Amino acid sequence: MLKGVFGGMAALLGVVFVCAVGWLVWQQAHEVHAPRDPGVCWRRGADGKFVAIFRGSSGIEACAGDLERIHMRTGESLVGAYQGRYIFVDKESIRSADRLDGVPWRLYFDNQRQALDKDLNAHDIVMTTQR
């Protein structure tokens, strides 16, 4: 009798294992990956598609700065990408992660972000003269 119970448990565990592996494969196939184009800074639109906002970016920090400039103008939270990494910009922080649902790490800490914002504001000043 015990042999039949353990045989049934083994079969059930086998089915559970196969289902779990199938679910993981399905998740991987349906995961949205950040674009990997070298030197291209991307912004994710409301439709979930990425749009290139800058080509020739020097790194993830520069791309984050470009996204921060947009955030400063619009006030909206943004999702961007640079060479396969996600960038998240909101009023609280500028972070990056390998996946949309991954654990983010800060690209800029508070004092660094303040310096970045000051620099971005300085470059946005347009001098005009009246004649």
Protein backbone atom coordinates (compact mmCIF):
# COMPACT_ATOMS: atom_id res chain seq x y z
CA MET A 1 0.00 0.00 0.00
CA LEU A 2 2.80 2.45 0.85
CA LYS A 3 4.43 1.70 -2.48
CA GLY A 4 1.27 2.84 -4.27
CA VAL A 5 1.04 6.04 -2.20
CA PHE A 6 4.68 6.97 -2.83
CA GLY A 7 4.35 6.12 -6.52
CA GLY A 8 1.36 8.43 -6.79
CA MET A 9 3.22 11.20 -4.93
CA ALA A 10 6.22 10.81 -7.26
CA ALA A 11 3.95 11.09 -10.29
CA LEU A 12 2.27 14.17 -8.85
CA LEU A 13 5.64 15.81 -8.09
CA GLY A 14 6.74 15.02 -11.64
CA VAL A 15 3.68 16.76 -13.07
CA VAL A 16 4.21 19.77 -10.78
CA PHE A 17 7.87 19.98 -11.84
CA VAL A 18 7.01 19.84 -15.55
CA CYS A 19 4.35 22.52 -15.09
CA ALA A 20 6.76 24.77 -13.17
CA VAL A 21 9.43 24.46 -15.86
CA GLY A 22 6.84 25.15 -18.56
CA TRP A 23 5.63 28.26 -16.72
CA LEU A 24 9.20 29.58 -16.38
CA VAL A 25 9.87 29.06 -20.08
CA TRP A 26 6.60 30.81 -20.96
CA GLN A 27 7.51 33.74 -18.67
CA GLN A 28 10.91 34.11 -20.34
CA ALA A 29 9.34 34.06 -23.80
CA HIS A 30 6.84 36.81 -22.91
CA GLU A 31 9.17 39.09 -20.95
CA VAL A 32 9.78 42.48 -22.54
CA HIS A 33 13.50 43.07 -22.88
CA ALA A 34 15.15 46.46 -22.90
CA PRO A 35 16.71 47.37 -26.27
CA ARG A 36 20.42 46.60 -26.50
CA ASP A 37 21.51 48.87 -29.35
CA PRO A 38 24.96 50.29 -28.52
CA GLY A 39 24.95 53.96 -27.54
CA VAL A 40 21.19 54.47 -27.91
CA CYS A 41 19.10 55.96 -25.11
CA TRP A 42 15.47 54.80 -25.17
CA ARG A 43 12.22 56.00 -23.62
CA ARG A 44 9.30 53.63 -23.10
CA GLY A 45 5.99 55.03 -24.29
CA ALA A 46 2.53 54.52 -22.80
CA ASP A 47 2.00 51.71 -25.31
CA GLY A 48 5.03 49.85 -23.94
CA LYS A 49 7.13 50.39 -27.05
CA PHE A 50 10.57 51.97 -26.87
CA VAL A 51 11.44 55.11 -28.83
CA ALA A 52 15.04 56.22 -29.33
CA ILE A 53 15.54 59.67 -27.79
CA PHE A 54 19.31 59.98 -28.25
CA ARG A 55 21.91 58.17 -30.33
CA GLY A 56 25.57 58.31 -29.42
CA SER A 57 25.02 58.36 -25.66
CA SER A 58 28.26 57.89 -23.72
CA GLY A 59 26.82 55.61 -21.03
CA ILE A 60 23.93 54.69 -18.78
CA GLU A 61 24.50 57.77 -16.58
CA ALA A 62 24.28 60.08 -19.61
CA CYS A 63 21.09 58.36 -20.76
CA ALA A 64 19.65 58.72 -17.25
CA GLY A 65 20.51 62.42 -17.46
CA ASP A 66 18.60 62.73 -20.74
CA LEU A 67 15.60 61.04 -19.13
CA GLU A 68 15.93 63.29 -16.07
CA ARG A 69 15.80 66.35 -18.35
CA ILE A 70 12.44 65.09 -19.72
CA HIS A 71 11.23 64.34 -16.18
CA MET A 72 12.14 67.87 -15.07
CA ARG A 73 10.12 69.38 -17.91
CA THR A 74 7.06 67.12 -17.65
CA GLY A 75 7.05 65.91 -14.04
CA GLU A 76 6.03 62.45 -15.19
CA SER A 77 7.65 59.19 -14.12
CA LEU A 78 9.65 57.63 -16.94
CA VAL A 79 10.96 54.24 -17.94
CA GLY A 80 13.90 54.21 -20.28
CA ALA A 81 16.61 51.83 -21.37
CA TYR A 82 20.26 51.76 -22.27
CA GLN A 83 22.07 48.74 -23.72
CA GLY A 84 19.74 46.17 -22.18
CA ARG A 85 19.24 47.83 -18.79
CA TYR A 86 16.09 49.58 -17.65
CA ILE A 87 16.22 53.10 -16.22
CA PHE A 88 13.49 54.41 -13.92
CA VAL A 89 13.15 58.15 -13.28
CA ASP A 90 10.56 59.56 -10.89
CA LYS A 91 10.33 62.26 -8.24
CA GLU A 92 11.98 59.98 -5.68
CA SER A 93 15.03 58.65 -7.52
CA ILE A 94 16.89 57.64 -10.67
CA ARG A 95 17.40 53.87 -10.67
CA SER A 96 18.35 51.02 -12.99
CA ALA A 97 17.60 47.30 -13.16
CA ASP A 98 18.19 44.33 -15.44
CA ARG A 99 14.46 43.62 -15.69
CA LEU A 100 11.24 45.60 -15.39
CA ASP A 101 10.40 43.71 -12.21
CA GLY A 102 14.03 43.41 -11.11
CA VAL A 103 15.60 44.90 -8.03
CA PRO A 104 16.63 48.47 -8.92
CA TRP A 105 19.81 50.19 -7.79
CA ARG A 106 20.38 53.92 -7.70
CA LEU A 107 22.28 55.59 -10.50
CA TYR A 108 22.29 58.97 -8.75
CA PHE A 109 22.04 59.60 -5.02
CA ASP A 110 20.31 62.74 -3.70
CA ASN A 111 23.31 65.08 -3.78
CA GLN A 112 24.39 63.73 -7.19
CA ARG A 113 20.89 64.25 -8.55
CA GLN A 114 20.81 67.82 -7.26
CA ALA A 115 24.11 68.51 -9.05
CA LEU A 116 22.75 66.87 -12.22
CA ASP A 117 19.56 68.94 -12.08
CA LYS A 118 21.58 72.12 -11.56
CA ASP A 119 23.75 71.27 -14.56
CA LEU A 120 20.74 70.41 -16.72
CA ASN A 121 19.02 73.68 -15.77
CA ALA A 122 22.16 75.66 -16.57
CA HIS A 123 22.28 74.18 -20.08
CA ASP A 124 18.59 74.90 -20.68
CA ILE A 125 19.00 78.65 -20.20
CA VAL A 126 18.61 80.43 -23.50
CA MET A 127 20.02 83.93 -23.76
CA THR A 128 18.02 86.41 -25.78
CA THR A 129 18.69 89.99 -26.68
CA GLN A 130 16.33 92.70 -27.75
CA ARG A 131 17.27 95.05 -30.56
